[in-house]
C-alpha atoms as a PDB file:
ATOM      1  CA  MET A   1       9.111 -29.460 -14.987  1.00  0.00           C
ATOM      2  CA  GLY A   2       5.746 -29.554 -16.811  1.00  0.00           C
ATOM      3  CA  VAL A   3       3.360 -32.369 -17.501  1.00  0.00           C
ATOM      4  CA  GLY A   4       5.682 -33.949 -20.054  1.00  0.00           C
ATOM      5  CA  GLY A   5       7.297 -36.503 -17.760  1.00  0.00           C
ATOM      6  CA  CYS A   6       6.522 -39.955 -19.172  1.00  0.00           C
ATOM      7  CA  LEU A   7       6.981 -43.562 -18.250  1.00  0.00           C
ATOM      8  CA  ALA A   8      10.514 -44.615 -18.983  1.00  0.00           C
ATOM      9  CA  LEU A   9      10.499 -48.326 -18.207  1.00  0.00           C
ATOM     10  CA  PRO A  10      13.049 -50.126 -20.444  1.00  0.00           C
ATOM     11  CA  TRP A  11      10.563 -52.536 -21.934  1.00  0.00           C
ATOM     12  CA  ARG A  12       8.397 -49.644 -23.097  1.00  0.00           C
ATOM     13  CA  CYS A  13      11.141 -47.513 -24.581  1.00  0.00           C
ATOM     14  CA  LEU A  14      10.701 -49.014 -28.018  1.00  0.00           C
ATOM     15  CA  VAL A  15       6.953 -48.495 -27.906  1.00  0.00           C
ATOM     16  CA  VAL A  16       7.382 -44.846 -26.871  1.00  0.00           C
ATOM     17  CA  LEU A  17       9.798 -44.285 -29.725  1.00  0.00           C
ATOM     18  CA  CYS A  18       7.406 -45.812 -32.210  1.00  0.00           C
ATOM     19  CA  LEU A  19       4.509 -43.689 -30.967  1.00  0.00           C
ATOM     20  CA  ARG A  20       6.557 -40.531 -31.175  1.00  0.00           C
ATOM     21  CA  LEU A  21       7.591 -41.375 -34.701  1.00  0.00           C
ATOM     22  CA  LEU A  22       3.956 -42.065 -35.530  1.00  0.00           C
ATOM     23  CA  PHE A  23       2.523 -38.886 -34.069  1.00  0.00           C
ATOM     24  CA  LEU A  24       5.232 -36.347 -34.693  1.00  0.00           C
ATOM     25  CA  VAL A  25       4.428 -34.725 -38.013  1.00  0.00           C
ATOM     26  CA  PRO A  26       7.025 -34.419 -40.754  1.00  0.00           C
ATOM     27  CA  ALA A  27       7.981 -30.903 -41.784  1.00  0.00           C
ATOM     28  CA  GLY A  28       5.439 -29.232 -44.020  1.00  0.00           C
ATOM     29  CA  VAL A  29       2.390 -31.105 -42.756  1.00  0.00           C
ATOM     30  CA  PRO A  30       0.978 -28.817 -40.005  1.00  0.00           C
ATOM     31  CA  VAL A  31      -2.759 -28.319 -39.867  1.00  0.00           C
ATOM     32  CA  ARG A  32      -3.993 -24.735 -40.247  1.00  0.00           C
ATOM     33  CA  SER A  33      -7.173 -23.343 -38.773  1.00  0.00           C
ATOM     34  CA  GLY A  34      -8.882 -23.273 -42.143  1.00  0.00           C
ATOM     35  CA  ASP A  35      -8.075 -26.879 -43.009  1.00  0.00           C
ATOM     36  CA  ALA A  36     -11.476 -28.561 -43.356  1.00  0.00           C
ATOM     37  CA  THR A  37      -9.952 -31.974 -44.017  1.00  0.00           C
ATOM     38  CA  PHE A  38      -8.913 -32.425 -40.418  1.00  0.00           C
ATOM     39  CA  PRO A  39     -10.909 -31.697 -37.252  1.00  0.00           C
ATOM     40  CA  LYS A  40      -8.636 -29.434 -35.199  1.00  0.00           C
ATOM     41  CA  ALA A  41      -7.930 -28.614 -31.569  1.00  0.00           C
ATOM     42  CA  MET A  42      -9.374 -25.624 -29.782  1.00  0.00           C
ATOM     43  CA  ASP A  43      -7.780 -22.189 -29.794  1.00  0.00           C
ATOM     44  CA  ASN A  44      -5.327 -21.088 -27.137  1.00  0.00           C
ATOM     45  CA  VAL A  45      -6.412 -21.881 -23.585  1.00  0.00           C
ATOM     46  CA  THR A  46      -5.951 -19.322 -20.794  1.00  0.00           C
ATOM     47  CA  VAL A  47      -6.379 -20.360 -17.160  1.00  0.00           C
ATOM     48  CA  ARG A  48      -5.378 -19.003 -13.782  1.00  0.00           C
ATOM     49  CA  GLN A  49      -2.778 -20.678 -11.642  1.00  0.00           C
ATOM     50  CA  GLY A  50      -4.428 -23.410  -9.561  1.00  0.00           C
ATOM     51  CA  GLU A  51      -7.361 -23.896 -11.923  1.00  0.00           C
ATOM     52  CA  SER A  52      -7.951 -26.826 -14.323  1.00  0.00           C
ATOM     53  CA  ALA A  53      -7.207 -26.587 -18.038  1.00  0.00           C
ATOM     54  CA  THR A  54      -9.220 -28.665 -20.504  1.00  0.00           C
ATOM     55  CA  LEU A  55      -7.651 -29.392 -23.888  1.00  0.00           C
ATOM     56  CA  ARG A  56     -10.161 -30.565 -26.525  1.00  0.00           C
ATOM     57  CA  CYS A  57      -9.512 -32.007 -29.944  1.00  0.00           C
ATOM     58  CA  SER A  58     -12.348 -32.632 -32.400  1.00  0.00           C
ATOM     59  CA  VAL A  59     -12.140 -35.875 -34.374  1.00  0.00           C
ATOM     60  CA  ASP A  60     -14.333 -37.890 -36.781  1.00  0.00           C
ATOM     61  CA  ASN A  61     -14.734 -41.433 -37.963  1.00  0.00           C
ATOM     62  CA  ARG A  62     -11.691 -41.189 -40.221  1.00  0.00           C
ATOM     63  CA  VAL A  63      -9.380 -41.121 -37.212  1.00  0.00           C
ATOM     64  CA  THR A  64      -7.737 -44.432 -36.364  1.00  0.00           C
ATOM     65  CA  ARG A  65      -5.210 -43.352 -33.727  1.00  0.00           C
ATOM     66  CA  VAL A  66      -5.085 -40.294 -31.488  1.00  0.00           C
ATOM     67  CA  ALA A  67      -2.736 -38.855 -28.872  1.00  0.00           C
ATOM     68  CA  TRP A  68      -1.991 -35.693 -26.853  1.00  0.00           C
ATOM     69  CA  LEU A  69       1.603 -34.544 -26.562  1.00  0.00           C
ATOM     70  CA  ASN A  70       3.361 -31.817 -24.588  1.00  0.00           C
ATOM     71  CA  ARG A  71       6.227 -30.743 -26.804  1.00  0.00           C
ATOM     72  CA  SER A  72       7.764 -34.165 -27.641  1.00  0.00           C
ATOM     73  CA  SER A  73       6.412 -36.060 -24.603  1.00  0.00           C
ATOM     74  CA  ILE A  74       3.334 -38.232 -24.954  1.00  0.00           C
ATOM     75  CA  LEU A  75       0.660 -37.546 -22.342  1.00  0.00           C
ATOM     76  CA  TYR A  76      -2.062 -39.878 -23.612  1.00  0.00           C
ATOM     77  CA  ALA A  77      -2.229 -42.252 -26.551  1.00  0.00           C
ATOM     78  CA  GLY A  78      -5.799 -43.366 -27.003  1.00  0.00           C
ATOM     79  CA  ASN A  79      -6.984 -44.515 -23.582  1.00  0.00           C
ATOM     80  CA  ASP A  80      -3.457 -45.245 -22.361  1.00  0.00           C
ATOM     81  CA  LYS A  81      -1.768 -42.761 -20.055  1.00  0.00           C
ATOM     82  CA  TRP A  82       1.932 -42.276 -20.694  1.00  0.00           C
ATOM     83  CA  CYS A  83       2.472 -39.367 -18.341  1.00  0.00           C
ATOM     84  CA  LEU A  84       3.433 -39.881 -14.698  1.00  0.00           C
ATOM     85  CA  ASP A  85       1.800 -36.624 -13.597  1.00  0.00           C
ATOM     86  CA  PRO A  86      -1.375 -37.490 -11.631  1.00  0.00           C
ATOM     87  CA  ARG A  87      -2.843 -34.088 -12.507  1.00  0.00           C
ATOM     88  CA  VAL A  88      -3.318 -35.118 -16.153  1.00  0.00           C
ATOM     89  CA  VAL A  89      -6.523 -37.094 -16.752  1.00  0.00           C
ATOM     90  CA  LEU A  90      -8.459 -38.275 -19.804  1.00  0.00           C
ATOM     91  CA  LEU A  91     -11.859 -36.601 -20.106  1.00  0.00           C
ATOM     92  CA  ALA A  92     -13.204 -37.973 -23.370  1.00  0.00           C
ATOM     93  CA  ASN A  93     -12.213 -40.380 -26.136  1.00  0.00           C
ATOM     94  CA  THR A  94     -15.237 -40.588 -28.414  1.00  0.00           C
ATOM     95  CA  LYS A  95     -15.921 -40.568 -32.127  1.00  0.00           C
ATOM     96  CA  THR A  96     -16.149 -36.763 -32.071  1.00  0.00           C
ATOM     97  CA  GLN A  97     -13.845 -35.588 -29.273  1.00  0.00           C
ATOM     98  CA  TYR A  98     -10.545 -36.454 -27.668  1.00  0.00           C
ATOM     99  CA  SER A  99      -9.959 -34.346 -24.525  1.00  0.00           C
ATOM    100  CA  ILE A 100      -7.640 -34.267 -21.541  1.00  0.00           C
ATOM    101  CA  GLN A 101      -7.559 -32.120 -18.427  1.00  0.00           C
ATOM    102  CA  ILE A 102      -4.599 -30.720 -16.477  1.00  0.00           C
ATOM    103  CA  GLN A 103      -5.590 -30.054 -12.887  1.00  0.00           C
ATOM    104  CA  ASP A 104      -4.073 -27.515 -10.484  1.00  0.00           C
ATOM    105  CA  VAL A 105      -2.220 -25.800 -13.319  1.00  0.00           C
ATOM    106  CA  ASP A 106       1.079 -24.090 -12.545  1.00  0.00           C
ATOM    107  CA  VAL A 107       3.332 -21.794 -14.550  1.00  0.00           C
ATOM    108  CA  TYR A 108       5.604 -24.619 -15.677  1.00  0.00           C
ATOM    109  CA  ASP A 109       2.616 -26.185 -17.475  1.00  0.00           C
ATOM    110  CA  GLU A 110       2.483 -23.248 -19.877  1.00  0.00           C
ATOM    111  CA  GLY A 111       3.460 -23.960 -23.454  1.00  0.00           C
ATOM    112  CA  PRO A 112       2.383 -25.810 -26.605  1.00  0.00           C
ATOM    113  CA  TYR A 113       0.260 -28.977 -26.570  1.00  0.00           C
ATOM    114  CA  THR A 114      -0.315 -31.064 -29.660  1.00  0.00           C
ATOM    115  CA  CYS A 115      -3.274 -33.208 -30.665  1.00  0.00           C
ATOM    116  CA  SER A 116      -1.932 -35.824 -33.106  1.00  0.00           C
ATOM    117  CA  VAL A 117      -4.136 -38.162 -35.136  1.00  0.00           C
ATOM    118  CA  GLN A 118      -3.690 -40.892 -37.713  1.00  0.00           C
ATOM    119  CA  THR A 119      -6.088 -40.871 -40.651  1.00  0.00           C
ATOM    120  CA  ASP A 120      -5.726 -42.984 -43.758  1.00  0.00           C
ATOM    121  CA  ASN A 121      -2.147 -43.718 -42.783  1.00  0.00           C
ATOM    122  CA  HIS A 122      -1.337 -39.985 -42.773  1.00  0.00           C
ATOM    123  CA  PRO A 123      -0.499 -38.380 -39.423  1.00  0.00           C
ATOM    124  CA  LYS A 124      -1.737 -34.842 -38.853  1.00  0.00           C
ATOM    125  CA  THR A 125      -1.545 -32.474 -35.856  1.00  0.00           C
ATOM    126  CA  SER A 126      -3.210 -29.447 -34.386  1.00  0.00           C
ATOM    127  CA  ARG A 127      -1.563 -27.340 -31.717  1.00  0.00           C
ATOM    128  CA  VAL A 128      -2.990 -25.373 -28.809  1.00  0.00           C
ATOM    129  CA  HIS A 129      -1.004 -23.087 -26.530  1.00  0.00           C
ATOM    130  CA  LEU A 130      -1.720 -23.130 -22.797  1.00  0.00           C
ATOM    131  CA  ILE A 131      -1.354 -19.733 -21.112  1.00  0.00           C
ATOM    132  CA  VAL A 132      -1.168 -19.649 -17.311  1.00  0.00           C
ATOM    133  CA  GLN A 133      -2.079 -16.428 -15.531  1.00  0.00           C
ATOM    134  CA  VAL A 134      -0.797 -15.706 -12.020  1.00  0.00           C
ATOM    135  CA  SER A 135      -2.327 -13.301  -9.509  1.00  0.00           C
ATOM    136  CA  PRO A 136      -0.098 -10.394  -8.503  1.00  0.00           C
ATOM    137  CA  LYS A 137       2.033 -10.766  -5.401  1.00  0.00           C
ATOM    138  CA  ILE A 138       4.128  -8.095  -3.708  1.00  0.00           C
ATOM    139  CA  THR A 139       7.483  -9.719  -3.014  1.00  0.00           C
ATOM    140  CA  GLU A 140       9.429  -6.714  -1.740  1.00  0.00           C
ATOM    141  CA  ILE A 141       8.409  -3.382  -0.222  1.00  0.00           C
ATOM    142  CA  SER A 142      10.185  -0.687   1.758  1.00  0.00           C
ATOM    143  CA  SER A 143       9.989  -0.718   5.543  1.00  0.00           C
ATOM    144  CA  ASP A 144       8.400   2.079   7.542  1.00  0.00           C
ATOM    145  CA  ILE A 145      10.676   5.098   7.565  1.00  0.00           C
ATOM    146  CA  SER A 146      11.317   8.117   9.803  1.00  0.00           C
ATOM    147  CA  ILE A 147      12.992  11.165   8.258  1.00  0.00           C
ATOM    148  CA  ASN A 148      13.567  14.801   9.141  1.00  0.00           C
ATOM    149  CA  GLU A 149      11.604  17.432   7.255  1.00  0.00           C
ATOM    150  CA  GLY A 150      13.420  18.491   4.090  1.00  0.00           C
ATOM    151  CA  GLY A 151      15.032  15.102   3.521  1.00  0.00           C
ATOM    152  CA  ASN A 152      14.601  12.841   0.486  1.00  0.00           C
ATOM    153  CA  VAL A 153      12.566   9.632   0.522  1.00  0.00           C
ATOM    154  CA  SER A 154      12.796   6.641  -1.823  1.00  0.00           C
ATOM    155  CA  LEU A 155      10.182   3.885  -1.579  1.00  0.00           C
ATOM    156  CA  THR A 156      10.310   0.575  -3.468  1.00  0.00           C
ATOM    157  CA  CYS A 157       7.562  -1.929  -4.274  1.00  0.00           C
ATOM    158  CA  ILE A 158       8.386  -5.068  -6.299  1.00  0.00           C
ATOM    159  CA  ALA A 159       5.631  -7.444  -7.446  1.00  0.00           C
ATOM    160  CA  THR A 160       5.365 -10.566  -9.593  1.00  0.00           C
ATOM    161  CA  GLY A 161       2.521 -11.996 -11.654  1.00  0.00           C
ATOM    162  CA  ARG A 162       1.526 -13.146 -15.139  1.00  0.00           C
ATOM    163  CA  PRO A 163       1.012 -10.921 -16.985  1.00  0.00           C
ATOM    164  CA  ASP A 164       3.372  -8.489 -15.274  1.00  0.00           C
ATOM    165  CA  PRO A 165       1.381  -6.407 -12.792  1.00  0.00           C
ATOM    166  CA  THR A 166       0.989  -2.656 -12.954  1.00  0.00           C
ATOM    167  CA  ILE A 167       2.293  -0.962  -9.809  1.00  0.00           C
ATOM    168  CA  THR A 168       0.975   2.341  -8.452  1.00  0.00           C
ATOM    169  CA  TRP A 169       1.687   4.404  -5.355  1.00  0.00           C
ATOM    170  CA  ARG A 170      -0.730   6.758  -3.630  1.00  0.00           C
ATOM    171  CA  HIS A 171      -0.659   8.849  -0.482  1.00  0.00           C
ATOM    172  CA  ILE A 172      -3.381   7.897   2.003  1.00  0.00           C
ATOM    173  CA  SER A 173      -4.417  11.418   2.920  1.00  0.00           C
ATOM    174  CA  PRO A 174      -7.667  13.439   2.730  1.00  0.00           C
ATOM    175  CA  LYS A 175      -5.806  16.055   0.685  1.00  0.00           C
ATOM    176  CA  ALA A 176      -4.193  13.580  -1.722  1.00  0.00           C
ATOM    177  CA  VAL A 177      -5.790  13.219  -5.166  1.00  0.00           C
ATOM    178  CA  GLY A 178      -5.169  10.223  -7.453  1.00  0.00           C
ATOM    179  CA  PHE A 179      -1.913   8.343  -7.892  1.00  0.00           C
ATOM    180  CA  ILE A 180       1.407   9.997  -7.159  1.00  0.00           C
ATOM    181  CA  SER A 181       3.479   7.371  -8.992  1.00  0.00           C
ATOM    182  CA  GLU A 182       2.838   4.622 -11.515  1.00  0.00           C
ATOM    183  CA  ASP A 183       6.145   2.882 -11.068  1.00  0.00           C
ATOM    184  CA  GLU A 184       7.906   0.484  -8.721  1.00  0.00           C
ATOM    185  CA  TYR A 185       9.795   3.404  -7.207  1.00  0.00           C
ATOM    186  CA  LEU A 186       8.456   6.502  -5.464  1.00  0.00           C
ATOM    187  CA  GLU A 187      10.840   9.416  -4.992  1.00  0.00           C
ATOM    188  CA  ILE A 188       9.988  12.384  -2.743  1.00  0.00           C
ATOM    189  CA  THR A 189      12.457  15.278  -2.699  1.00  0.00           C
ATOM    190  CA  GLY A 190      12.458  17.745   0.185  1.00  0.00           C
ATOM    191  CA  ILE A 191       9.618  16.070   2.052  1.00  0.00           C
ATOM    192  CA  THR A 192       7.312  18.247   4.164  1.00  0.00           C
ATOM    193  CA  ARG A 193       5.289  17.486   7.268  1.00  0.00           C
ATOM    194  CA  GLU A 194       2.118  17.522   5.146  1.00  0.00           C
ATOM    195  CA  GLN A 195       3.530  14.579   3.183  1.00  0.00           C
ATOM    196  CA  SER A 196       3.806  12.344   6.236  1.00  0.00           C
ATOM    197  CA  GLY A 197       1.462   9.394   6.658  1.00  0.00           C
ATOM    198  CA  GLU A 198       0.847   6.105   4.895  1.00  0.00           C
ATOM    199  CA  TYR A 199       1.761   5.364   1.289  1.00  0.00           C
ATOM    200  CA  GLU A 200      -0.069   2.492  -0.412  1.00  0.00           C
ATOM    201  CA  CYS A 201       1.467   0.295  -3.090  1.00  0.00           C
ATOM    202  CA  SER A 202      -1.042  -1.498  -5.325  1.00  0.00           C
ATOM    203  CA  ALA A 203      -0.171  -4.290  -7.780  1.00  0.00           C
ATOM    204  CA  SER A 204      -2.792  -5.363 -10.334  1.00  0.00           C
ATOM    205  CA  ASN A 205      -2.971  -7.367 -13.554  1.00  0.00           C
ATOM    206  CA  ASP A 206      -6.721  -8.113 -13.879  1.00  0.00           C
ATOM    207  CA  VAL A 207      -6.211 -11.766 -12.942  1.00  0.00           C
ATOM    208  CA  SER A 208      -7.573 -11.149  -9.473  1.00  0.00           C
ATOM    209  CA  ALA A 209      -8.236  -8.255  -7.129  1.00  0.00           C
ATOM    210  CA  PRO A 210      -5.239  -5.914  -6.688  1.00  0.00           C
ATOM    211  CA  VAL A 211      -2.944  -6.633  -3.763  1.00  0.00           C
ATOM    212  CA  VAL A 212      -1.974  -3.686  -1.590  1.00  0.00           C
ATOM    213  CA  GLN A 213       0.559  -3.010   1.139  1.00  0.00           C
ATOM    214  CA  ARG A 214       1.335   0.199   2.998  1.00  0.00           C
ATOM    215  CA  VAL A 215       4.460   1.976   4.184  1.00  0.00           C
ATOM    216  CA  LYS A 216       4.332   4.521   6.995  1.00  0.00           C
ATOM    217  CA  VAL A 217       6.448   7.634   6.483  1.00  0.00           C
ATOM    218  CA  THR A 218       7.052   9.727   9.611  1.00  0.00           C
ATOM    219  CA  VAL A 219       8.315  13.270   9.037  1.00  0.00           C
ATOM    220  CA  ASN A 220      10.097  14.793  12.024  1.00  0.00           C
ATOM    221  CA  TYR A 221      10.023  18.549  12.595  1.00  0.00           C
ATOM    222  CA  PRO A 222      10.688  20.983  15.480  1.00  0.00           C
ATOM    223  CA  PRO A 223       7.854  22.296  17.677  1.00  0.00           C
ATOM    224  CA  TYR A 224       5.512  25.009  16.493  1.00  0.00           C
ATOM    225  CA  ILE A 225       3.237  26.673  19.062  1.00  0.00           C
ATOM    226  CA  SER A 226      -0.135  27.153  17.454  1.00  0.00           C
ATOM    227  CA  ASP A 227      -2.140  28.541  20.369  1.00  0.00           C
ATOM    228  CA  ALA A 228      -1.145  30.381  23.565  1.00  0.00           C
ATOM    229  CA  LYS A 229      -3.652  32.900  24.949  1.00  0.00           C
ATOM    230  CA  SER A 230      -3.633  35.132  27.992  1.00  0.00           C
ATOM    231  CA  THR A 231      -6.426  34.594  30.508  1.00  0.00           C
ATOM    232  CA  GLY A 232      -8.220  36.869  32.960  1.00  0.00           C
ATOM    233  CA  VAL A 233      -9.327  35.271  36.258  1.00  0.00           C
ATOM    234  CA  PRO A 234     -10.620  36.875  39.500  1.00  0.00           C
ATOM    235  CA  VAL A 235      -8.824  36.209  42.773  1.00  0.00           C
ATOM    236  CA  GLY A 236     -10.003  33.007  44.416  1.00  0.00           C
ATOM    237  CA  GLN A 237     -11.167  31.410  41.177  1.00  0.00           C
ATOM    238  CA  LYS A 238      -9.693  28.621  39.083  1.00  0.00           C
ATOM    239  CA  GLY A 239      -7.484  29.750  36.202  1.00  0.00           C
ATOM    240  CA  ILE A 240      -6.012  27.870  33.232  1.00  0.00           C
ATOM    241  CA  LEU A 241      -3.258  28.754  30.786  1.00  0.00           C
ATOM    242  CA  LEU A 242      -3.119  26.528  27.701  1.00  0.00           C
ATOM    243  CA  CYS A 243      -0.191  26.033  25.332  1.00  0.00           C
ATOM    244  CA  GLU A 244      -0.762  24.014  22.133  1.00  0.00           C
ATOM    245  CA  ALA A 245       2.141  22.866  19.966  1.00  0.00           C
ATOM    246  CA  SER A 246       2.618  20.471  17.069  1.00  0.00           C
ATOM    247  CA  ALA A 247       5.880  18.564  16.722  1.00  0.00           C
ATOM    248  CA  VAL A 248       7.284  15.183  15.701  1.00  0.00           C
ATOM    249  CA  PRO A 249       8.499  13.654  17.915  1.00  0.00           C
ATOM    250  CA  SER A 250       6.018  15.108  20.399  1.00  0.00           C
ATOM    251  CA  ALA A 251       7.237  18.157  22.279  1.00  0.00           C
ATOM    252  CA  ASP A 252       8.284  18.284  25.911  1.00  0.00           C
ATOM    253  CA  PHE A 253       6.743  21.261  27.725  1.00  0.00           C
ATOM    254  CA  GLN A 254       8.116  23.489  30.476  1.00  0.00           C
ATOM    255  CA  TRP A 255       6.526  26.498  32.192  1.00  0.00           C
ATOM    256  CA  TYR A 256       8.243  29.577  33.557  1.00  0.00           C
ATOM    257  CA  LYS A 257       7.044  32.600  35.506  1.00  0.00           C
ATOM    258  CA  ASP A 258       9.446  35.345  34.638  1.00  0.00           C
ATOM    259  CA  ASP A 259      12.769  33.440  34.864  1.00  0.00           C
ATOM    260  CA  LYS A 260      11.673  30.832  37.374  1.00  0.00           C
ATOM    261  CA  ARG A 261      10.698  27.373  36.222  1.00  0.00           C
ATOM    262  CA  LEU A 262       7.454  26.003  37.620  1.00  0.00           C
ATOM    263  CA  ALA A 263       7.760  22.508  39.000  1.00  0.00           C
ATOM    264  CA  GLU A 264       5.100  19.818  38.851  1.00  0.00           C
ATOM    265  CA  GLY A 265       3.363  19.487  42.189  1.00  0.00           C
ATOM    266  CA  GLN A 266       4.039  23.063  43.239  1.00  0.00           C
ATOM    267  CA  LYS A 267       1.455  24.169  45.774  1.00  0.00           C
ATOM    268  CA  GLY A 268      -1.725  25.445  44.167  1.00  0.00           C
ATOM    269  CA  LEU A 269      -0.526  24.543  40.655  1.00  0.00           C
ATOM    270  CA  LYS A 270      -0.888  21.606  38.324  1.00  0.00           C
ATOM    271  CA  VAL A 271       1.049  21.065  35.092  1.00  0.00           C
ATOM    272  CA  GLU A 272      -0.584  18.599  32.717  1.00  0.00           C
ATOM    273  CA  ASN A 273       1.461  17.633  29.642  1.00  0.00           C
ATOM    274  CA  LYS A 274      -0.005  15.760  26.684  1.00  0.00           C
ATOM    275  CA  ALA A 275       1.308  14.972  23.219  1.00  0.00           C
ATOM    276  CA  PHE A 276       0.135  18.228  21.639  1.00  0.00           C
ATOM    277  CA  PHE A 277      -0.590  20.598  24.523  1.00  0.00           C
ATOM    278  CA  SER A 278       0.300  21.572  28.055  1.00  0.00           C
ATOM    279  CA  ARG A 279      -2.130  22.970  30.600  1.00  0.00           C
ATOM    280  CA  LEU A 280      -1.136  25.055  33.633  1.00  0.00           C
ATOM    281  CA  THR A 281      -3.933  25.091  36.222  1.00  0.00           C
ATOM    282  CA  PHE A 282      -4.242  27.506  39.176  1.00  0.00           C
ATOM    283  CA  PHE A 283      -6.723  26.072  41.666  1.00  0.00           C
ATOM    284  CA  ASN A 284      -7.108  29.247  43.750  1.00  0.00           C
ATOM    285  CA  VAL A 285      -5.766  32.330  41.996  1.00  0.00           C
ATOM    286  CA  SER A 286      -4.043  34.901  44.231  1.00  0.00           C
ATOM    287  CA  GLU A 287      -2.538  38.304  43.539  1.00  0.00           C
ATOM    288  CA  GLN A 288       0.896  36.696  43.515  1.00  0.00           C
ATOM    289  CA  ASP A 289      -0.148  34.436  40.628  1.00  0.00           C
ATOM    290  CA  TYR A 290      -0.786  37.328  38.264  1.00  0.00           C
ATOM    291  CA  GLY A 291       1.969  38.030  35.796  1.00  0.00           C
ATOM    292  CA  ASN A 292       3.792  36.834  32.717  1.00  0.00           C
ATOM    293  CA  TYR A 293       4.181  33.097  31.993  1.00  0.00           C
ATOM    294  CA  THR A 294       6.274  31.443  29.297  1.00  0.00           C
ATOM    295  CA  CYS A 295       5.585  28.054  27.691  1.00  0.00           C
ATOM    296  CA  VAL A 296       8.638  26.326  26.190  1.00  0.00           C
ATOM    297  CA  ALA A 297       8.128  23.433  23.781  1.00  0.00           C
ATOM    298  CA  SER A 298      11.134  21.381  22.677  1.00  0.00           C
ATOM    299  CA  ASN A 299      12.202  18.135  21.003  1.00  0.00           C
ATOM    300  CA  GLN A 300      15.395  16.768  19.451  1.00  0.00           C
ATOM    301  CA  LEU A 301      15.080  19.096  16.467  1.00  0.00           C
ATOM    302  CA  GLY A 302      14.644  22.399  18.267  1.00  0.00           C
ATOM    303  CA  ASN A 303      12.546  24.477  20.629  1.00  0.00           C
ATOM    304  CA  THR A 304      10.183  27.434  20.653  1.00  0.00           C
ATOM    305  CA  ASN A 305       8.363  29.483  23.273  1.00  0.00           C
ATOM    306  CA  ALA A 306       5.379  31.738  23.736  1.00  0.00           C
ATOM    307  CA  SER A 307       4.430  34.165  26.502  1.00  0.00           C
ATOM    308  CA  MET A 308       0.994  34.695  27.988  1.00  0.00           C
ATOM    309  CA  ILE A 309      -0.468  36.562  30.933  1.00  0.00           C
ATOM    310  CA  LEU A 310      -2.628  35.577  33.841  1.00  0.00           C
ATOM    311  CA  TYR A 311      -4.379  38.820  34.856  1.00  0.00           C
ATOM    312  CA  GLY A 312      -7.213  39.991  37.045  1.00  0.00           C
ATOM    313  CA  PRO A 313     -10.510  41.586  36.016  1.00  0.00           C
ATOM    314  CA  GLY A 314      -9.177  45.111  36.545  1.00  0.00           C
ATOM    315  CA  ALA A 315      -6.049  44.628  34.392  1.00  0.00           C
ATOM    316  CA  VAL A 316      -5.354  45.752  30.869  1.00  0.00           C
ATOM    317  CA  HIS A 317      -3.002  43.602  28.801  1.00  0.00           C
ATOM    318  CA  ASP A 318      -1.472  43.840  25.368  1.00  0.00           C
ATOM    319  CA  GLY A 319      -1.887  40.550  23.553  1.00  0.00           C
ATOM    320  CA  ASN A 320       0.910  41.411  21.148  1.00  0.00           C
ATOM    321  CA  ASN A 321       3.804  41.941  23.539  1.00  0.00           C
ATOM    322  CA  GLY A 322       2.515  40.451  26.778  1.00  0.00           C
ATOM    323  CA  ALA A 323       2.687  43.802  28.640  1.00  0.00           C
ATOM    324  CA  TRP A 324       0.114  44.330  31.313  1.00  0.00           C
ATOM    325  CA  ARG A 325      -0.818  46.899  33.945  1.00  0.00           C
ATOM    326  CA  ARG A 326      -3.418  47.708  36.554  1.00  0.00           C
ATOM    327  CA  SER A 327      -6.108  50.124  35.397  1.00  0.00           C
ATOM    328  CA  SER A 328      -7.451  52.928  37.508  1.00  0.00           C
ATOM    329  CA  CYS A 329     -10.763  54.764  37.568  1.00  0.00           C
ATOM    330  CA  ALA A 330      -9.061  58.087  38.370  1.00  0.00           C
ATOM    331  CA  TRP A 331      -8.599  58.950  34.708  1.00  0.00           C
ATOM    332  CA  LEU A 332     -12.351  58.874  34.306  1.00  0.00           C
ATOM    333  CA  LEU A 333     -12.600  61.879  36.653  1.00  0.00           C
ATOM    334  CA  LEU A 334     -10.342  63.941  34.405  1.00  0.00           C
ATOM    335  CA  LEU A 335     -12.765  63.862  31.486  1.00  0.00           C
ATOM    336  CA  PRO A 336     -15.400  66.274  32.932  1.00  0.00           C
ATOM    337  CA  LEU A 337     -12.661  68.570  34.298  1.00  0.00           C
ATOM    338  CA  ALA A 338     -11.079  68.853  30.856  1.00  0.00           C
ATOM    339  CA  HIS A 339     -14.461  69.592  29.392  1.00  0.00           C
ATOM    340  CA  LEU A 340     -15.062  72.448  31.862  1.00  0.00           C
ATOM    341  CA  ALA A 341     -11.612  73.906  31.225  1.00  0.00           C
ATOM    342  CA  ARG A 342     -12.440  74.482  27.558  1.00  0.00           C
ATOM    343  CA  HIS A 343     -15.308  76.788  28.584  1.00  0.00           C
ATOM    344  CA  PHE A 344     -13.217  79.141  30.772  1.00  0.00           C
END
C-alpha cells in the first residue's frame, strides 16, 4: 500500500467526493510541459529506498485551490492533510509553490502523483512520476561445495534490486583474469584442481556499492608426490628423508624399508607427518640404516609411492631407479696397469 490511504470518516465522505470531482481533470484537459498558461509540476523524481522524496508544483496568483493526489487519493488539499500516512508532510503552500514530501520512501510509493489546481473555475493538472531505486541484495547463493576432479559444477547467485542488478562471477585466484560469467549461473564442466578456490558473486545496479558473496569450491584429487630425493649421510650423523605430496583431502603417509613398514616411535627413528609432506629422521645413522626406502601417500581417491635411498659417503646411487652400491678404490689401480700394457 502506498501513500494513498486517506481519511474515511463517514461525515467527510461527501467532502472527499467533492474534492475528487473538483481536482480530477476531465478527459482532454491534461497539461503538457510546454503549456505556458499553467505552472506545472517538476519532472520525474528518482530517489533511493529510505530517502525522502520532495514533490514540487509551481503556482501563481491565478490559482484559487490546490491539491496533491496519488492516483485518485487525495494527499493534501491546501493546508489540510487527507492522507493517514505520517510520512507525508506539507513543505510549502505559497503564492509560487505547493510542495509535499514523502519520507522514508519505499517501493510501494512508486507511481504517478498529480498536482491539481483550480484557476478561473477551470481545473488543471500536472503529473510527476516517482521512481524508487533499491540497492542490490543477494537473496540466494549456492553453498560451499566439494567435488572430485573431473566433475561438473553449477553455482547460482540470485539478487534483487531496482533497477535489476547485473550479476557477475569471478574466480578469486592469482591466475584468474576478469569475469568468468556475467549471469546468475556459473557452469564449470570437467573441473580441475587449478579451478578450486573461492568464487565471488557480485550484484550491482549503480544505486549503491556492489554487494558480494563468495562460494568455496573444493576439488578433490588423489595424491601426487612432487619431491622425494635420496640423501647421503655419514655413519653417526643425523639423516633426513623427505617426501612431499599434494592431495585433497590431505594424504596419509607411510614409510617402508624394503617390504617392512616403519612404525612411529621405532628406536632411532622419527616419522613426522604434515598435510603436504612427511619427514623420516634418523638421529644416529648406522650401517644398517642404509638402503632403499619407500614413501606411500594415499587418500580416499587413490595412492602413489616413491622410492629413495639413504646412503653413505662412499656409495654410488642411481637417482633414476634407486639402485645403489658400495664403491671401491681398487679400480683406480687398474688404470696405470692398463696404460703400461699398451706399451708392451
